[in-house]
PDB file of N, CA and C in Angstrom:
ATOM      1  N   MET A   1     148.683 117.514 174.878  1.00  0.00           N
ATOM      2  CA  MET A   1     148.403 116.123 174.479  1.00  0.00           C
ATOM      3  C   MET A   1     148.607 115.792 173.797  1.00  0.00           C
ATOM      4  N   THR A   2     148.865 116.246 172.524  1.00  0.00           N
ATOM      5  CA  THR A   2     148.744 115.579 170.995  1.00  0.00           C
ATOM      6  C   THR A   2     150.026 115.355 170.746  1.00  0.00           C
ATOM      7  N   ASN A   3     151.387 115.521 171.613  1.00  0.00           N
ATOM      8  CA  ASN A   3     152.745 114.827 171.583  1.00  0.00           C
ATOM      9  C   ASN A   3     152.555 113.713 172.485  1.00  0.00           C
ATOM     10  N   VAL A   4     151.597 113.480 173.775  1.00  0.00           N
ATOM     11  CA  VAL A   4     152.019 112.178 174.120  1.00  0.00           C
ATOM     12  C   VAL A   4     151.629 111.469 173.302  1.00  0.00           C
ATOM     13  N   LEU A   5     150.010 111.530 172.462  1.00  0.00           N
ATOM     14  CA  LEU A   5     149.510 110.515 171.823  1.00  0.00           C
ATOM     15  C   LEU A   5     150.573 110.144 170.767  1.00  0.00           C
ATOM     16  N   VAL A   6     151.599 110.966 169.839  1.00  0.00           N
ATOM     17  CA  VAL A   6     152.672 110.530 169.111  1.00  0.00           C
ATOM     18  C   VAL A   6     153.749 109.544 169.396  1.00  0.00           C
ATOM     19  N   TRP A   7     154.243 110.169 170.911  1.00  0.00           N
ATOM     20  CA  TRP A   7     155.236 108.956 171.561  1.00  0.00           C
ATOM     21  C   TRP A   7     154.341 107.733 172.012  1.00  0.00           C
ATOM     22  N   LEU A   8     153.063 107.581 172.524  1.00  0.00           N
ATOM     23  CA  LEU A   8     152.562 106.549 172.320  1.00  0.00           C
ATOM     24  C   LEU A   8     152.615 105.759 170.959  1.00  0.00           C
ATOM     25  N   VAL A   9     152.312 105.956 169.889  1.00  0.00           N
ATOM     26  CA  VAL A   9     152.468 105.372 168.512  1.00  0.00           C
ATOM     27  C   VAL A   9     153.126 105.426 168.056  1.00  0.00           C
ATOM     28  N   VAL A  10     154.439 106.038 168.108  1.00  0.00           N
ATOM     29  CA  VAL A  10     155.568 106.082 167.498  1.00  0.00           C
ATOM     30  C   VAL A  10     156.236 104.606 168.933  1.00  0.00           C
ATOM     31  N   GLY A  11     156.041 104.870 169.909  1.00  0.00           N
ATOM     32  CA  GLY A  11     156.446 103.626 170.388  1.00  0.00           C
ATOM     33  C   GLY A  11     155.807 102.700 170.260  1.00  0.00           C
ATOM     34  N   LEU A  12     154.432 102.229 170.202  1.00  0.00           N
ATOM     35  CA  LEU A  12     154.015 100.899 169.713  1.00  0.00           C
ATOM     36  C   LEU A  12     154.791 100.786 168.458  1.00  0.00           C
ATOM     37  N   ILE A  13     154.338 101.728 167.418  1.00  0.00           N
ATOM     38  CA  ILE A  13     155.002 101.097 165.878  1.00  0.00           C
ATOM     39  C   ILE A  13     156.091 100.516 166.521  1.00  0.00           C
ATOM     40  N   ALA A  14     157.381 101.021 167.007  1.00  0.00           N
ATOM     41  CA  ALA A  14     158.871 101.026 167.195  1.00  0.00           C
ATOM     42  C   ALA A  14     159.418  99.730 167.975  1.00  0.00           C
ATOM     43  N   GLY A  15     158.512  99.403 169.078  1.00  0.00           N
ATOM     44  CA  GLY A  15     158.783  98.256 169.996  1.00  0.00           C
ATOM     45  C   GLY A  15     157.936  97.683 168.929  1.00  0.00           C
ATOM     46  N   PHE A  16     157.033  97.195 168.507  1.00  0.00           N
ATOM     47  CA  PHE A  16     156.529  96.073 167.894  1.00  0.00           C
ATOM     48  C   PHE A  16     156.956  95.524 166.873  1.00  0.00           C
ATOM     49  N   LEU A  17     157.424  96.636 165.838  1.00  0.00           N
ATOM     50  CA  LEU A  17     158.276  96.094 164.714  1.00  0.00           C
ATOM     51  C   LEU A  17     159.707  95.685 165.505  1.00  0.00           C
ATOM     52  N   ALA A  18     159.954  96.030 166.607  1.00  0.00           N
ATOM     53  CA  ALA A  18     161.515  95.324 167.250  1.00  0.00           C
ATOM     54  C   ALA A  18     161.244  94.309 167.629  1.00  0.00           C
ATOM     55  N   SER A  19     160.354  94.209 168.255  1.00  0.00           N
ATOM     56  CA  SER A  19     160.088  92.681 168.523  1.00  0.00           C
ATOM     57  C   SER A  19     160.194  91.652 167.509  1.00  0.00           C
ATOM     58  N   LYS A  20     158.738  91.892 166.810  1.00  0.00           N
ATOM     59  CA  LYS A  20     158.391  91.351 165.302  1.00  0.00           C
ATOM     60  C   LYS A  20     160.539  90.820 164.848  1.00  0.00           C
ATOM     61  N   VAL A  21     160.901  91.747 164.752  1.00  0.00           N
ATOM     62  CA  VAL A  21     162.409  91.331 164.238  1.00  0.00           C
ATOM     63  C   VAL A  21     163.251  90.954 165.033  1.00  0.00           C
ATOM     64  N   LEU A  22     163.078  90.875 166.501  1.00  0.00           N
ATOM     65  CA  LEU A  22     163.709  90.124 167.366  1.00  0.00           C
ATOM     66  C   LEU A  22     163.573  87.955 167.509  1.00  0.00           C
ATOM     67  N   ASN A  23     161.908  88.561 168.006  1.00  0.00           N
ATOM     68  CA  ASN A  23     161.292  87.395 168.292  1.00  0.00           C
ATOM     69  C   ASN A  23     160.324  86.611 167.190  1.00  0.00           C
ATOM     70  N   GLY A  24     160.228  87.533 166.521  1.00  0.00           N
ATOM     71  CA  GLY A  24     159.083  86.772 165.300  1.00  0.00           C
ATOM     72  C   GLY A  24     157.759  86.739 165.797  1.00  0.00           C
ATOM     73  N   LYS A  25     157.822  87.865 167.129  1.00  0.00           N
ATOM     74  CA  LYS A  25     156.095  87.806 167.358  1.00  0.00           C
ATOM     75  C   LYS A  25     156.513  89.146 168.135  1.00  0.00           C
ATOM     76  N   GLY A  26     154.997  89.795 168.643  1.00  0.00           N
ATOM     77  CA  GLY A  26     155.421  90.853 169.693  1.00  0.00           C
ATOM     78  C   GLY A  26     154.939  90.252 171.144  1.00  0.00           C
ATOM     79  N   MET A  27     155.410  91.402 171.324  1.00  0.00           N
ATOM     80  CA  MET A  27     155.357  90.476 173.194  1.00  0.00           C
ATOM     81  C   MET A  27     153.842  91.307 173.777  1.00  0.00           C
ATOM     82  N   GLY A  28     153.032  92.004 173.394  1.00  0.00           N
ATOM     83  CA  GLY A  28     152.173  92.481 173.964  1.00  0.00           C
ATOM     84  C   GLY A  28     152.178  94.012 173.347  1.00  0.00           C
ATOM     85  N   LEU A  29     150.907  94.772 173.761  1.00  0.00           N
ATOM     86  CA  LEU A  29     150.787  95.593 173.411  1.00  0.00           C
ATOM     87  C   LEU A  29     151.413  96.762 174.637  1.00  0.00           C
ATOM     88  N   PRO A  30     150.826  96.356 175.721  1.00  0.00           N
ATOM     89  CA  PRO A  30     152.018  97.146 176.720  1.00  0.00           C
ATOM     90  C   PRO A  30     153.401  97.041 177.039  1.00  0.00           C
ATOM     91  N   MET A  31     154.323  95.811 176.642  1.00  0.00           N
ATOM     92  CA  MET A  31     155.280  95.623 176.621  1.00  0.00           C
ATOM     93  C   MET A  31     156.134  96.040 175.525  1.00  0.00           C
ATOM     94  N   ASP A  32     154.982  96.156 174.381  1.00  0.00           N
ATOM     95  CA  ASP A  32     155.587  96.792 172.958  1.00  0.00           C
ATOM     96  C   ASP A  32     156.078  98.502 172.783  1.00  0.00           C
ATOM     97  N   ILE A  33     154.802  99.063 173.997  1.00  0.00           N
ATOM     98  CA  ILE A  33     154.570 100.472 174.374  1.00  0.00           C
ATOM     99  C   ILE A  33     156.016 100.840 174.940  1.00  0.00           C
ATOM    100  N   VAL A  34     156.067  99.866 175.961  1.00  0.00           N
ATOM    101  CA  VAL A  34     157.309 100.348 176.832  1.00  0.00           C
ATOM    102  C   VAL A  34     158.584 100.018 176.323  1.00  0.00           C
ATOM    103  N   VAL A  35     158.821  99.274 175.371  1.00  0.00           N
ATOM    104  CA  VAL A  35     159.996  99.131 174.589  1.00  0.00           C
ATOM    105  C   VAL A  35     160.315 100.173 174.223  1.00  0.00           C
ATOM    106  N   GLY A  36     159.145 100.528 172.780  1.00  0.00           N
ATOM    107  CA  GLY A  36     159.262 101.157 172.273  1.00  0.00           C
ATOM    108  C   GLY A  36     159.293 102.672 172.666  1.00  0.00           C
ATOM    109  N   LEU A  37     159.198 103.144 173.541  1.00  0.00           N
ATOM    110  CA  LEU A  37     159.403 104.473 174.424  1.00  0.00           C
ATOM    111  C   LEU A  37     160.873 104.467 174.661  1.00  0.00           C
ATOM    112  N   VAL A  38     160.668 103.190 175.390  1.00  0.00           N
ATOM    113  CA  VAL A  38     162.213 103.472 176.466  1.00  0.00           C
ATOM    114  C   VAL A  38     163.263 103.462 175.274  1.00  0.00           C
ATOM    115  N   GLY A  39     162.998 102.388 173.737  1.00  0.00           N
ATOM    116  CA  GLY A  39     163.908 102.527 172.671  1.00  0.00           C
ATOM    117  C   GLY A  39     164.015 104.370 171.920  1.00  0.00           C
ATOM    118  N   ALA A  40     163.033 104.799 171.966  1.00  0.00           N
ATOM    119  CA  ALA A  40     162.654 106.323 171.372  1.00  0.00           C
ATOM    120  C   ALA A  40     163.857 106.668 172.273  1.00  0.00           C
ATOM    121  N   LEU A  41     163.991 107.046 173.535  1.00  0.00           N
ATOM    122  CA  LEU A  41     164.930 107.669 174.421  1.00  0.00           C
ATOM    123  C   LEU A  41     165.897 107.408 174.343  1.00  0.00           C
ATOM    124  N   LEU A  42     166.534 106.193 174.656  1.00  0.00           N
ATOM    125  CA  LEU A  42     168.023 105.972 174.064  1.00  0.00           C
ATOM    126  C   LEU A  42     168.403 105.586 172.538  1.00  0.00           C
ATOM    127  N   GLY A  43     167.162 105.724 171.576  1.00  0.00           N
ATOM    128  CA  GLY A  43     167.643 106.439 169.829  1.00  0.00           C
ATOM    129  C   GLY A  43     168.111 107.113 169.684  1.00  0.00           C
ATOM    130  N   GLY A  44     167.052 108.479 170.519  1.00  0.00           N
ATOM    131  CA  GLY A  44     167.839 109.957 170.561  1.00  0.00           C
ATOM    132  C   GLY A  44     168.762 110.391 170.878  1.00  0.00           C
ATOM    133  N   PHE A  45     169.251 109.762 171.874  1.00  0.00           N
ATOM    134  CA  PHE A  45     169.983 110.008 172.586  1.00  0.00           C
ATOM    135  C   PHE A  45     171.244 109.774 171.971  1.00  0.00           C
ATOM    136  N   LEU A  46     171.407 107.938 171.223  1.00  0.00           N
ATOM    137  CA  LEU A  46     172.722 107.274 170.587  1.00  0.00           C
ATOM    138  C   LEU A  46     172.256 108.634 168.863  1.00  0.00           C
ATOM    139  N   ALA A  47     171.229 109.088 168.653  1.00  0.00           N
ATOM    140  CA  ALA A  47     171.465 109.888 167.010  1.00  0.00           C
ATOM    141  C   ALA A  47     171.913 111.345 167.302  1.00  0.00           C
ATOM    142  N   GLY A  48     171.399 111.947 168.576  1.00  0.00           N
ATOM    143  CA  GLY A  48     172.104 113.092 169.044  1.00  0.00           C
ATOM    144  C   GLY A  48     173.524 112.906 169.693  1.00  0.00           C
ATOM    145  N   ALA A  49     174.085 112.054 170.018  1.00  0.00           N
ATOM    146  CA  ALA A  49     175.231 111.754 170.486  1.00  0.00           C
ATOM    147  C   ALA A  49     175.917 111.668 169.261  1.00  0.00           C
ATOM    148  N   ALA A  50     175.873 110.819 168.238  1.00  0.00           N
ATOM    149  CA  ALA A  50     176.210 111.009 166.967  1.00  0.00           C
ATOM    150  C   ALA A  50     176.277 111.909 166.323  1.00  0.00           C
ATOM    151  N   GLY A  51     175.547 112.880 166.277  1.00  0.00           N
ATOM    152  CA  GLY A  51     175.341 113.975 165.584  1.00  0.00           C
ATOM    153  C   GLY A  51     174.334 114.195 164.481  1.00  0.00           C
ATOM    154  N   ILE A  52     173.765 112.403 164.496  1.00  0.00           N
ATOM    155  CA  ILE A  52     172.519 112.450 163.556  1.00  0.00           C
ATOM    156  C   ILE A  52     171.318 113.167 163.564  1.00  0.00           C
ATOM    157  N   ALA A  53     170.315 113.828 163.077  1.00  0.00           N
ATOM    158  CA  ALA A  53     169.493 114.126 162.720  1.00  0.00           C
ATOM    159  C   ALA A  53     168.527 113.594 161.719  1.00  0.00           C
ATOM    160  N   PHE A  54     167.145 113.425 162.358  1.00  0.00           N
ATOM    161  CA  PHE A  54     166.026 112.677 161.470  1.00  0.00           C
ATOM    162  C   PHE A  54     165.293 113.720 162.072  1.00  0.00           C
ATOM    163  N   GLY A  55     164.202 113.939 160.759  1.00  0.00           N
ATOM    164  CA  GLY A  55     162.554 114.972 161.275  1.00  0.00           C
ATOM    165  C   GLY A  55     161.775 114.458 160.632  1.00  0.00           C
ATOM    166  N   GLY A  56     160.364 114.475 161.050  1.00  0.00           N
ATOM    167  CA  GLY A  56     159.170 113.909 160.688  1.00  0.00           C
ATOM    168  C   GLY A  56     158.869 112.551 161.608  1.00  0.00           C
ATOM    169  N   PHE A  57     157.552 112.338 161.149  1.00  0.00           N
ATOM    170  CA  PHE A  57     157.290 111.055 161.553  1.00  0.00           C
ATOM    171  C   PHE A  57     158.538 109.646 161.531  1.00  0.00           C
ATOM    172  N   ILE A  58     158.358 109.707 160.038  1.00  0.00           N
ATOM    173  CA  ILE A  58     158.781 108.372 159.646  1.00  0.00           C
ATOM    174  C   ILE A  58     160.297 108.186 160.371  1.00  0.00           C
ATOM    175  N   GLY A  59     160.673 109.565 160.104  1.00  0.00           N
ATOM    176  CA  GLY A  59     162.540 109.643 160.974  1.00  0.00           C
ATOM    177  C   GLY A  59     162.325 109.225 162.471  1.00  0.00           C
ATOM    178  N   GLU A  60     161.477 109.987 163.309  1.00  0.00           N
ATOM    179  CA  GLU A  60     161.379 109.401 164.578  1.00  0.00           C
ATOM    180  C   GLU A  60     161.087 107.962 165.454  1.00  0.00           C
ATOM    181  N   VAL A  61     160.451 107.331 163.486  1.00  0.00           N
ATOM    182  CA  VAL A  61     160.040 105.617 164.236  1.00  0.00           C
ATOM    183  C   VAL A  61     161.064 104.590 163.633  1.00  0.00           C
ATOM    184  N   VAL A  62     162.004 105.778 163.267  1.00  0.00           N
ATOM    185  CA  VAL A  62     163.334 104.949 162.220  1.00  0.00           C
ATOM    186  C   VAL A  62     164.224 104.878 163.798  1.00  0.00           C
ATOM    187  N   VAL A  63     164.350 106.309 163.893  1.00  0.00           N
ATOM    188  CA  VAL A  63     165.295 106.463 165.449  1.00  0.00           C
ATOM    189  C   VAL A  63     164.572 105.601 166.520  1.00  0.00           C
ATOM    190  N   ALA A  64     163.744 105.826 166.836  1.00  0.00           N
ATOM    191  CA  ALA A  64     162.784 104.879 167.816  1.00  0.00           C
ATOM    192  C   ALA A  64     163.448 103.491 167.456  1.00  0.00           C
ATOM    193  N   PHE A  65     163.033 102.842 166.448  1.00  0.00           N
ATOM    194  CA  PHE A  65     163.089 101.297 165.285  1.00  0.00           C
ATOM    195  C   PHE A  65     164.602 100.985 166.392  1.00  0.00           C
ATOM    196  N   VAL A  66     165.538 101.583 165.945  1.00  0.00           N
ATOM    197  CA  VAL A  66     166.628 101.085 166.235  1.00  0.00           C
ATOM    198  C   VAL A  66     167.110 101.213 167.787  1.00  0.00           C
ATOM    199  N   GLY A  67     166.272 102.564 168.386  1.00  0.00           N
ATOM    200  CA  GLY A  67     166.826 102.116 169.910  1.00  0.00           C
ATOM    201  C   GLY A  67     166.114 101.152 170.469  1.00  0.00           C
ATOM    202  N   ALA A  68     165.039 100.807 170.378  1.00  0.00           N
ATOM    203  CA  ALA A  68     164.332  99.420 170.466  1.00  0.00           C
ATOM    204  C   ALA A  68     164.852  98.398 170.522  1.00  0.00           C
ATOM    205  N   PHE A  69     165.465  98.105 169.174  1.00  0.00           N
ATOM    206  CA  PHE A  69     165.874  96.998 168.709  1.00  0.00           C
ATOM    207  C   PHE A  69     167.681  96.747 169.747  1.00  0.00           C
ATOM    208  N   LEU A  70     168.287  98.037 169.876  1.00  0.00           N
ATOM    209  CA  LEU A  70     169.573  97.645 170.899  1.00  0.00           C
ATOM    210  C   LEU A  70     168.830  97.861 171.959  1.00  0.00           C
ATOM    211  N   LEU A  71     167.496  97.975 172.788  1.00  0.00           N
ATOM    212  CA  LEU A  71     167.571  97.620 173.796  1.00  0.00           C
ATOM    213  C   LEU A  71     166.976  96.197 174.105  1.00  0.00           C
ATOM    214  N   LEU A  72     166.168  95.264 173.482  1.00  0.00           N
ATOM    215  CA  LEU A  72     166.125  94.219 173.077  1.00  0.00           C
ATOM    216  C   LEU A  72     166.881  93.388 172.972  1.00  0.00           C
ATOM    217  N   LEU A  73     168.035  94.136 172.456  1.00  0.00           N
ATOM    218  CA  LEU A  73     169.790  92.906 172.523  1.00  0.00           C
ATOM    219  C   LEU A  73     169.979  92.803 173.490  1.00  0.00           C
ATOM    220  N   ALA A  74     169.818  94.347 174.816  1.00  0.00           N
ATOM    221  CA  ALA A  74     170.376  94.098 175.619  1.00  0.00           C
ATOM    222  C   ALA A  74     169.851  93.082 176.358  1.00  0.00           C
ATOM    223  N   ILE A  75     168.335  93.431 176.375  1.00  0.00           N
ATOM    224  CA  ILE A  75     167.670  92.496 177.443  1.00  0.00           C
ATOM    225  C   ILE A  75     167.516  91.038 176.656  1.00  0.00           C
ATOM    226  N   ARG A  76     167.671  90.310 175.792  1.00  0.00           N
ATOM    227  CA  ARG A  76     167.725  89.342 175.293  1.00  0.00           C
ATOM    228  C   ARG A  76     169.367  88.738 175.561  1.00  0.00           C
ATOM    229  N   LEU A  77     170.723  89.348 176.022  1.00  0.00           N
ATOM    230  CA  LEU A  77     171.908  89.153 176.206  1.00  0.00           C
ATOM    231  C   LEU A  77     171.522  89.228 178.256  1.00  0.00           C
ATOM    232  N   VAL A  78     170.770  90.103 178.310  1.00  0.00           N
ATOM    233  CA  VAL A  78     170.886  89.529 179.961  1.00  0.00           C
ATOM    234  C   VAL A  78     170.103  88.430 180.287  1.00  0.00           C
ATOM    235  N   PHE A  79     169.160  88.531 180.269  1.00  0.00           N
ATOM    236  CA  PHE A  79     168.152  87.269 179.847  1.00  0.00           C
ATOM    237  C   PHE A  79     168.442  85.796 179.607  1.00  0.00           C
ATOM    238  N   SER A  80     169.194  85.879 178.616  1.00  0.00           N
ATOM    239  CA  SER A  80     169.480  84.714 177.900  1.00  0.00           C
ATOM    240  C   SER A  80     169.980  83.291 178.374  1.00  0.00           C
ATOM    241  N   ARG A  81     169.926  82.992 179.567  1.00  0.00           N
ATOM    242  CA  ARG A  81     169.999  82.164 180.452  1.00  0.00           C
ATOM    243  C   ARG A  81     168.756  81.369 181.038  1.00  0.00           C
ATOM    244  N   GLY A  82     167.647  81.236 180.076  1.00  0.00           N
ATOM    245  CA  GLY A  82     166.370  81.241 180.829  1.00  0.00           C
ATOM    246  C   GLY A  82     164.905  81.660 181.097  1.00  0.00           C
ATOM    247  N   GLY A  83     165.771  82.954 181.020  1.00  0.00           N
ATOM    248  CA  GLY A  83     164.704  84.144 181.699  1.00  0.00           C
ATOM    249  C   GLY A  83     163.272  84.573 180.657  1.00  0.00           C
ATOM    250  N   ARG A  84     162.917  84.813 181.113  1.00  0.00           N
ATOM    251  CA  ARG A  84     161.343  85.370 180.691  1.00  0.00           C
ATOM    252  C   ARG A  84     161.461  85.630 179.145  1.00  0.00           C
ATOM    253  N   PHE A  85     162.681  86.333 179.100  1.00  0.00           N
ATOM    254  CA  PHE A  85     162.814  86.697 177.873  1.00  0.00           C
ATOM    255  C   PHE A  85     163.346  85.790 176.638  1.00  0.00           C
ATOM    256  N   SER A  86     163.633  85.084 177.371  1.00  0.00           N
ATOM    257  CA  SER A  86     164.428  83.418 176.413  1.00  0.00           C
ATOM    258  C   SER A  86     164.050  83.604 175.557  1.00  0.00           C
ATOM    259  N   HIS A  87     163.802  83.370 174.061  1.00  0.00           N
ATOM    260  CA  HIS A  87     163.060  82.427 172.831  1.00  0.00           C
ATOM    261  C   HIS A  87     163.315  80.984 173.303  1.00  0.00           C
ATOM    262  N   ARG A  88     163.817  80.365 173.869  1.00  0.00           N
ATOM    263  CA  ARG A  88     163.989  78.768 173.319  1.00  0.00           C
ATOM    264  C   ARG A  88     162.564  77.774 173.315  1.00  0.00           C
TER     265      ARG A  88
END
């Protein structure tokens, strides 16, 4: 149970920070968590593939942030023609 709470907190922090950096505001609590969690998986996969290891809570947030940032960039590219995630 504790691990799930940690992942939710990490996902929330990473998703919120990444959406603030890219959009200037959060996307709302549920979407920030989803983007953060998916981003954490993406960041963890990419870090593992590159042979990079981060430990501790701060390391997990950094990896999750990088993954969430890359995920949001990809979403922005896909929906850049006036879709829901476009910031025009």
